[in-house]
Amino acid sequence: MDSSSSPAPPQAPARSRGSSNASQRWSILRRALLARSSSRAPEGTSRDQDIKDGTINISRKASRGFNLIECHSLPISRLMKSLENSSNGNENDLGCQKDVCVFYKLPCGGSSKLNLVYRREDSLELNDIEASNRYNIDTTGLVCCWPSEEVLAYYCINHSDMFRAKKVLELGSGYGLAGFVIAACTNADEVVISDGNPQVVGYIQKNISINAETFGETKVKSMILHWDKEQASEMLNTFDIIVASDCTFFKQFHQSLAQTVKSLLKHSATSQAVFLSPKRGDSLDKFLGIIKENGLNCELIDNYDPTVCNLHKKYEAGDDRTWPNYDKEHCYPLLVRISSFC
């Protein structure tokens, strides 16, 4: 043991930490409901600050990503102006106060770029949670672009040849950065970007319209796709490649996700699904077991890209402190390659 290193601060037992987090969540929900039903307290009161502070304390959302793709925020007004000057005329419905635009400069040659409209990270509302209960979906895809999605997009850029002339599906896409990158950089024949949340799919369709000129001859579609529903017959066994990021953390969806991959992946020796997912305790391992139970083959790869791996080691060792809450279990995605052929 290095005598110069400081001992780690004592941690509360897991049970007490869990109880504390649960109490904070219920407290936040109670205050949110009271704030919604009461007109006595204006915005910006101490109650609003309590809700914000409590959410920060218990949130597992990563505060940043690996910064693999250059991006910066763009005022919605500037995007609207650029669309007004283009032949698309897709500036309608872009002025929502809940929205922000993120400009991505893609490292795939030429002047490839994406303008993606997202919901602001702090704009999740109670009606979003009500919608998730109604459709039996989660709201994670509505909150932000998660680190695994960024890594998946970067991986797809560096392996663009595998998508050439292929029909590609992104599952549980959230805002679909990986799907949009595949459409913009790889000469895929068709890219279908899917999610189970209708609100998220609305943003995907909006972003398809905004970036239509970036995709060249590649056909790009959005789709509401629930893993636990029977898929349309015309979709069965038609996709050459399926991609997904951080879709294995809800164990109750493991079986339906595995069956969705099996039913939609084309029966071909070259067809494959590429997942990027953190371990998240035993969640990823349990998913891999269910993949095998469904007669599919899978390969787990830890070191799949030198740039990502080196960044991970720096964050984990504390050599780079720009990601202070970095946690390997929740932030570093492993590569899972799935196929139906040995």
Protein backbone atom coordinates (compact mmCIF):
# COMPACT_ATOMS: atom_id res chain seq x y z
CA MET A 1 0.00 0.00 0.00
CA ASP A 2 1.33 3.47 -0.91
CA SER A 3 1.92 5.37 2.32
CA SER A 4 1.43 8.67 0.53
CA SER A 5 -2.13 7.88 -0.47
CA SER A 6 -4.97 8.91 1.79
CA PRO A 7 -7.37 6.25 3.01
CA ALA A 8 -10.77 6.24 1.39
CA PRO A 9 -13.48 7.93 3.46
CA PRO A 10 -15.71 5.53 5.38
CA GLN A 11 -18.88 4.51 3.54
CA ALA A 12 -22.25 3.98 5.09
CA PRO A 13 -23.55 0.41 4.89
CA ALA A 14 -25.25 -0.27 1.56
CA ARG A 15 -28.60 -0.81 3.24
CA SER A 16 -28.57 2.56 5.01
CA ARG A 17 -27.40 4.36 1.86
CA GLY A 18 -30.24 2.76 -0.08
CA SER A 19 -32.78 3.72 2.57
CA SER A 20 -31.45 7.27 2.60
CA ASN A 21 -31.68 7.56 -1.18
CA ALA A 22 -35.20 6.15 -1.19
CA SER A 23 -36.26 8.65 1.46
CA GLN A 24 -34.80 11.49 -0.56
CA ARG A 25 -36.60 10.35 -3.70
CA TRP A 26 -39.97 10.23 -1.92
CA SER A 27 -39.26 13.64 -0.40
CA ILE A 28 -38.44 15.11 -3.81
CA LEU A 29 -41.62 13.63 -5.33
CA ARG A 30 -43.73 14.95 -2.46
CA ARG A 31 -42.29 18.47 -2.83
CA ALA A 32 -42.75 18.34 -6.61
CA LEU A 33 -46.40 17.33 -6.25
CA LEU A 34 -47.02 20.06 -3.69
CA ALA A 35 -45.29 22.62 -5.89
CA ARG A 36 -47.43 21.57 -8.85
CA SER A 37 -50.73 21.80 -6.94
CA SER A 38 -49.93 25.00 -5.06
CA SER A 39 -49.85 28.49 -6.53
CA ARG A 40 -48.69 30.14 -3.32
CA ALA A 41 -44.96 29.76 -3.83
CA PRO A 42 -43.44 31.34 -6.96
CA GLU A 43 -40.58 29.78 -8.90
CA GLY A 44 -37.16 30.29 -7.42
CA THR A 45 -38.24 29.76 -3.82
CA SER A 46 -36.21 27.73 -1.34
CA ARG A 47 -38.55 24.79 -1.99
CA ASP A 48 -37.48 24.71 -5.66
CA GLN A 49 -33.84 24.79 -4.58
CA ASP A 50 -34.44 21.92 -2.14
CA ILE A 51 -35.86 19.81 -4.98
CA LYS A 52 -32.89 20.64 -7.24
CA ASP A 53 -30.31 19.96 -4.51
CA GLY A 54 -31.92 16.68 -3.52
CA THR A 55 -32.04 15.51 -7.12
CA ILE A 56 -28.33 16.22 -7.55
CA ASN A 57 -27.51 14.29 -4.37
CA ILE A 58 -29.22 11.05 -5.42
CA SER A 59 -28.88 11.15 -9.19
CA ARG A 60 -26.87 8.37 -10.86
CA LYS A 61 -26.71 10.34 -14.13
CA ALA A 62 -23.15 10.90 -15.27
CA SER A 63 -22.26 14.58 -15.25
CA ARG A 64 -20.33 14.34 -18.50
CA GLY A 65 -19.00 11.91 -21.08
CA PHE A 66 -15.75 10.90 -22.75
CA ASN A 67 -15.75 13.97 -25.05
CA LEU A 68 -14.89 11.85 -28.08
CA ILE A 69 -16.86 13.92 -30.59
CA GLU A 70 -16.50 17.68 -30.72
CA CYS A 71 -19.77 19.38 -29.81
CA HIS A 72 -21.13 22.62 -28.43
CA SER A 73 -24.50 24.13 -27.74
CA LEU A 74 -26.19 26.26 -30.37
CA PRO A 75 -29.01 28.73 -29.68
CA ILE A 76 -32.31 27.48 -31.06
CA SER A 77 -32.80 30.88 -32.68
CA ARG A 78 -29.59 30.43 -34.67
CA LEU A 79 -30.69 27.00 -35.86
CA MET A 80 -34.09 28.40 -36.88
CA LYS A 81 -32.41 31.16 -38.86
CA SER A 82 -30.16 28.71 -40.70
CA LEU A 83 -33.16 26.55 -41.58
CA GLU A 84 -35.10 29.57 -42.81
CA ASN A 85 -32.24 30.21 -45.25
CA SER A 86 -32.19 26.61 -46.45
CA SER A 87 -34.51 24.87 -48.86
CA ASN A 88 -35.78 22.51 -46.13
CA GLY A 89 -37.91 25.03 -44.29
CA ASN A 90 -38.02 22.73 -41.25
CA GLU A 91 -37.93 25.55 -38.70
CA ASN A 92 -41.42 24.86 -37.37
CA ASP A 93 -41.78 23.73 -33.75
CA LEU A 94 -38.16 24.47 -32.84
CA GLY A 95 -38.73 27.30 -30.39
CA CYS A 96 -39.77 25.28 -27.33
CA GLN A 97 -38.29 26.70 -24.14
CA LYS A 98 -37.52 23.17 -22.96
CA ASP A 99 -35.22 22.52 -25.92
CA VAL A 100 -31.55 23.07 -26.63
CA CYS A 101 -29.59 22.41 -29.80
CA VAL A 102 -26.24 20.61 -29.79
CA PHE A 103 -23.94 20.97 -32.79
CA TYR A 104 -21.71 17.94 -33.46
CA LYS A 105 -18.68 18.12 -35.73
CA LEU A 106 -18.16 14.55 -36.85
CA PRO A 107 -14.60 13.18 -37.30
CA CYS A 108 -15.44 11.22 -40.42
CA GLY A 109 -13.98 13.30 -43.23
CA GLY A 110 -15.46 16.14 -45.23
CA SER A 111 -17.63 18.62 -43.38
CA SER A 112 -20.05 16.18 -41.74
CA LYS A 113 -22.05 17.75 -38.97
CA LEU A 114 -25.22 17.18 -37.00
CA ASN A 115 -27.57 19.62 -35.31
CA LEU A 116 -29.58 17.68 -32.73
CA VAL A 117 -32.38 19.21 -30.69
CA TYR A 118 -32.60 17.82 -27.15
CA ARG A 119 -34.71 18.51 -24.10
CA ARG A 120 -32.88 20.53 -21.46
CA GLU A 121 -31.51 18.23 -18.76
CA ASP A 122 -33.38 20.10 -16.03
CA SER A 123 -36.76 20.11 -17.79
CA LEU A 124 -38.12 16.68 -16.81
CA GLU A 125 -41.66 17.16 -15.54
CA LEU A 126 -44.26 15.12 -13.71
CA ASN A 127 -46.26 14.56 -16.90
CA ASP A 128 -43.17 12.89 -18.42
CA ILE A 129 -43.23 10.37 -15.57
CA GLU A 130 -46.98 9.92 -16.03
CA ALA A 131 -46.36 9.16 -19.72
CA SER A 132 -43.69 6.61 -18.83
CA ASN A 133 -46.16 4.82 -16.55
CA ARG A 134 -48.86 4.89 -19.24
CA TYR A 135 -46.61 3.32 -21.90
CA ASN A 136 -44.58 1.10 -19.49
CA ILE A 137 -41.35 2.80 -20.53
CA ASP A 138 -38.64 4.77 -18.76
CA THR A 139 -37.63 8.40 -19.16
CA THR A 140 -33.86 7.89 -19.37
CA GLY A 141 -33.77 8.60 -23.12
CA LEU A 142 -35.44 11.95 -22.53
CA VAL A 143 -32.93 13.20 -19.97
CA CYS A 144 -29.68 13.46 -21.94
CA CYS A 145 -27.25 11.77 -24.31
CA TRP A 146 -25.59 9.16 -22.07
CA PRO A 147 -21.83 8.34 -22.13
CA SER A 148 -22.37 4.90 -23.67
CA GLU A 149 -24.27 6.44 -26.59
CA GLU A 150 -21.37 8.79 -27.30
CA VAL A 151 -18.90 5.88 -27.18
CA LEU A 152 -21.12 3.82 -29.48
CA ALA A 153 -21.26 6.70 -31.97
CA TYR A 154 -17.47 7.04 -31.85
CA TYR A 155 -17.03 3.28 -32.32
CA CYS A 156 -19.34 3.33 -35.35
CA ILE A 157 -17.33 6.14 -36.95
CA ASN A 158 -14.11 4.14 -36.50
CA HIS A 159 -15.74 1.00 -37.95
CA SER A 160 -17.74 2.67 -40.70
CA ASP A 161 -17.02 -0.03 -43.29
CA MET A 162 -19.12 -2.59 -41.41
CA PHE A 163 -22.25 -0.50 -42.13
CA ARG A 164 -21.71 0.10 -45.83
CA ALA A 165 -24.85 -0.80 -47.84
CA LYS A 166 -26.39 -2.41 -44.72
CA LYS A 167 -29.80 -2.07 -43.09
CA VAL A 168 -29.24 -0.89 -39.52
CA LEU A 169 -31.47 -0.63 -36.46
CA GLU A 170 -30.72 1.25 -33.24
CA LEU A 171 -32.67 -0.06 -30.24
CA GLY A 172 -33.53 2.05 -27.19
CA SER A 173 -31.85 4.95 -28.93
CA GLY A 174 -32.80 7.91 -26.77
CA TYR A 175 -31.97 10.87 -28.97
CA GLY A 176 -30.16 8.50 -31.33
CA LEU A 177 -26.70 10.03 -31.66
CA ALA A 178 -25.24 6.67 -32.79
CA GLY A 179 -27.99 6.14 -35.35
CA PHE A 180 -27.53 9.64 -36.75
CA VAL A 181 -23.76 9.19 -36.92
CA ILE A 182 -24.20 5.92 -38.83
CA ALA A 183 -26.55 7.67 -41.25
CA ALA A 184 -24.15 10.60 -41.74
CA CYS A 185 -20.79 8.80 -41.90
CA THR A 186 -21.04 5.21 -43.10
CA ASN A 187 -22.95 4.95 -46.40
CA ALA A 188 -25.47 2.59 -44.82
CA ASP A 189 -28.43 1.75 -47.03
CA GLU A 190 -31.05 2.38 -44.33
CA VAL A 191 -30.96 3.40 -40.65
CA VAL A 192 -33.97 2.95 -38.38
CA ILE A 193 -33.68 4.80 -35.05
CA SER A 194 -36.12 3.40 -32.49
CA ASP A 195 -37.20 3.98 -28.92
CA GLY A 196 -40.19 2.99 -26.81
CA ASN A 197 -40.91 6.54 -25.62
CA PRO A 198 -43.18 8.45 -28.06
CA GLN A 199 -41.82 11.78 -26.81
CA VAL A 200 -38.27 10.70 -27.61
CA VAL A 201 -39.28 9.42 -31.05
CA GLY A 202 -40.85 12.82 -31.71
CA TYR A 203 -37.44 14.40 -31.19
CA ILE A 204 -35.80 11.78 -33.41
CA GLN A 205 -38.19 12.59 -36.26
CA LYS A 206 -37.61 16.31 -35.77
CA ASN A 207 -33.85 15.75 -35.98
CA ILE A 208 -34.18 13.61 -39.10
CA SER A 209 -35.89 16.55 -40.80
CA ILE A 210 -33.30 19.06 -39.56
CA ASN A 211 -30.36 16.98 -40.84
CA ALA A 212 -31.88 15.52 -44.02
CA GLU A 213 -29.17 16.97 -46.27
CA THR A 214 -26.42 15.31 -44.20
CA PHE A 215 -27.50 11.73 -44.89
CA GLY A 216 -26.90 11.60 -48.63
CA GLU A 217 -28.51 8.49 -50.16
CA THR A 218 -29.02 6.79 -46.79
CA LYS A 219 -32.68 6.37 -45.84
CA VAL A 220 -33.32 7.38 -42.21
CA LYS A 221 -36.50 6.55 -40.30
CA SER A 222 -37.80 6.86 -36.75
CA MET A 223 -39.91 4.21 -35.04
CA ILE A 224 -41.71 3.55 -31.76
CA LEU A 225 -40.54 0.05 -30.87
CA HIS A 226 -41.44 -1.77 -27.65
CA TRP A 227 -39.33 -4.84 -26.97
CA ASP A 228 -42.15 -6.68 -25.19
CA LYS A 229 -44.56 -6.37 -28.14
CA GLU A 230 -44.77 -8.67 -31.14
CA GLN A 231 -42.87 -7.07 -33.99
CA ALA A 232 -44.39 -6.47 -37.42
CA SER A 233 -43.86 -9.42 -39.74
CA GLU A 234 -42.20 -7.28 -42.41
CA MET A 235 -39.44 -6.41 -39.91
CA LEU A 236 -38.60 -9.96 -38.85
CA ASN A 237 -35.02 -11.05 -39.62
CA THR A 238 -34.36 -8.06 -41.88
CA PHE A 239 -31.59 -6.06 -40.18
CA ASP A 240 -27.94 -6.65 -41.01
CA ILE A 241 -26.74 -4.80 -37.90
CA ILE A 242 -28.46 -3.85 -34.66
CA VAL A 243 -26.80 -1.38 -32.29
CA ALA A 244 -27.72 -0.33 -28.76
CA SER A 245 -26.10 1.49 -25.85
CA ASP A 246 -26.73 1.11 -22.11
CA CYS A 247 -29.93 -0.87 -22.70
CA THR A 248 -29.23 -3.73 -20.28
CA PHE A 249 -29.57 -2.02 -16.89
CA PHE A 250 -33.29 -2.85 -16.42
CA LYS A 251 -33.28 -6.59 -15.69
CA GLN A 252 -37.02 -6.92 -16.24
CA PHE A 253 -36.46 -6.11 -19.94
CA HIS A 254 -33.60 -8.59 -20.52
CA GLN A 255 -35.74 -11.38 -21.92
CA SER A 256 -37.77 -9.18 -24.25
CA LEU A 257 -34.62 -7.36 -25.44
CA ALA A 258 -32.89 -10.65 -26.25
CA GLN A 259 -35.94 -11.91 -28.10
CA THR A 260 -36.20 -8.64 -30.04
CA VAL A 261 -32.60 -8.99 -31.21
CA LYS A 262 -33.18 -12.62 -32.18
CA SER A 263 -36.36 -11.86 -34.12
CA LEU A 264 -35.11 -8.78 -36.00
CA LEU A 265 -31.52 -9.77 -36.82
CA LYS A 266 -31.12 -11.20 -40.32
CA HIS A 267 -30.20 -14.90 -40.56
CA SER A 268 -26.75 -14.37 -42.02
CA ALA A 269 -23.18 -15.19 -41.06
CA THR A 270 -22.26 -11.49 -41.32
CA SER A 271 -25.21 -10.11 -39.35
CA GLN A 272 -24.55 -8.99 -35.79
CA ALA A 273 -25.76 -6.86 -32.89
CA VAL A 274 -23.29 -4.48 -31.27
CA PHE A 275 -24.11 -3.40 -27.72
CA LEU A 276 -22.11 -1.04 -25.52
CA SER A 277 -23.11 -1.32 -21.87
CA PRO A 278 -21.50 -0.73 -18.46
CA LYS A 279 -21.55 -3.65 -16.05
CA ARG A 280 -23.96 -1.98 -13.58
CA GLY A 281 -23.48 -4.60 -10.89
CA ASP A 282 -24.54 -8.00 -12.21
CA SER A 283 -26.99 -6.59 -14.77
CA LEU A 284 -24.78 -7.02 -17.85
CA ASP A 285 -23.71 -10.53 -16.82
CA LYS A 286 -27.33 -11.58 -16.35
CA PHE A 287 -28.20 -10.22 -19.80
CA LEU A 288 -25.39 -12.20 -21.40
CA GLY A 289 -26.77 -15.33 -19.75
CA ILE A 290 -30.22 -14.68 -21.21
CA ILE A 291 -28.70 -14.03 -24.64
CA LYS A 292 -27.18 -17.52 -24.53
CA GLU A 293 -30.45 -19.04 -23.27
CA ASN A 294 -32.10 -17.65 -26.41
CA GLY A 295 -29.67 -19.54 -28.64
CA LEU A 296 -27.55 -16.54 -29.57
CA ASN A 297 -23.78 -16.27 -29.42
CA CYS A 298 -22.05 -13.38 -27.69
CA GLU A 299 -18.56 -12.05 -27.14
CA LEU A 300 -17.63 -9.60 -24.38
CA ILE A 301 -14.74 -7.24 -25.16
CA ASP A 302 -13.19 -4.93 -22.57
CA ASN A 303 -10.51 -3.18 -24.64
CA TYR A 304 -12.17 -2.41 -27.98
CA ASP A 305 -10.74 1.05 -28.67
CA PRO A 306 -7.38 2.45 -27.48
CA THR A 307 -8.62 6.02 -27.09
CA VAL A 308 -11.63 5.05 -24.99
CA CYS A 309 -9.59 2.58 -22.94
CA ASN A 310 -6.86 5.13 -22.17
CA LEU A 311 -9.42 7.74 -21.11
CA HIS A 312 -11.11 5.16 -18.90
CA LYS A 313 -7.81 4.33 -17.16
CA LYS A 314 -7.08 8.03 -16.52
CA TYR A 315 -10.52 8.68 -15.06
CA GLU A 316 -10.40 5.54 -12.94
CA ALA A 317 -6.92 6.31 -11.58
CA GLY A 318 -7.79 9.94 -10.91
CA ASP A 319 -5.09 11.18 -13.29
CA ASP A 320 -7.79 13.19 -15.09
CA ARG A 321 -10.12 14.89 -12.61
CA THR A 322 -12.46 16.45 -15.16
CA TRP A 323 -14.94 13.64 -14.48
CA PRO A 324 -14.94 13.62 -10.66
CA ASN A 325 -17.81 11.15 -10.16
CA TYR A 326 -16.47 8.63 -12.68
CA ASP A 327 -17.42 5.07 -11.72
CA LYS A 328 -16.30 2.15 -13.87
CA GLU A 329 -19.41 0.11 -13.03
CA HIS A 330 -21.73 2.80 -14.37
CA CYS A 331 -19.64 4.86 -16.81
CA TYR A 332 -17.30 2.54 -18.75
CA PRO A 333 -19.19 0.59 -21.42
CA LEU A 334 -18.05 -2.87 -22.47
CA LEU A 335 -18.54 -4.09 -26.02
CA VAL A 336 -20.92 -7.01 -26.55
CA ARG A 337 -21.01 -8.59 -30.01
CA ILE A 338 -24.05 -10.83 -30.60
CA SER A 339 -24.72 -13.17 -33.52
CA SER A 340 -26.95 -16.08 -34.36
CA PHE A 341 -24.14 -18.02 -36.07
CA CYS A 342 -21.16 -19.76 -34.46
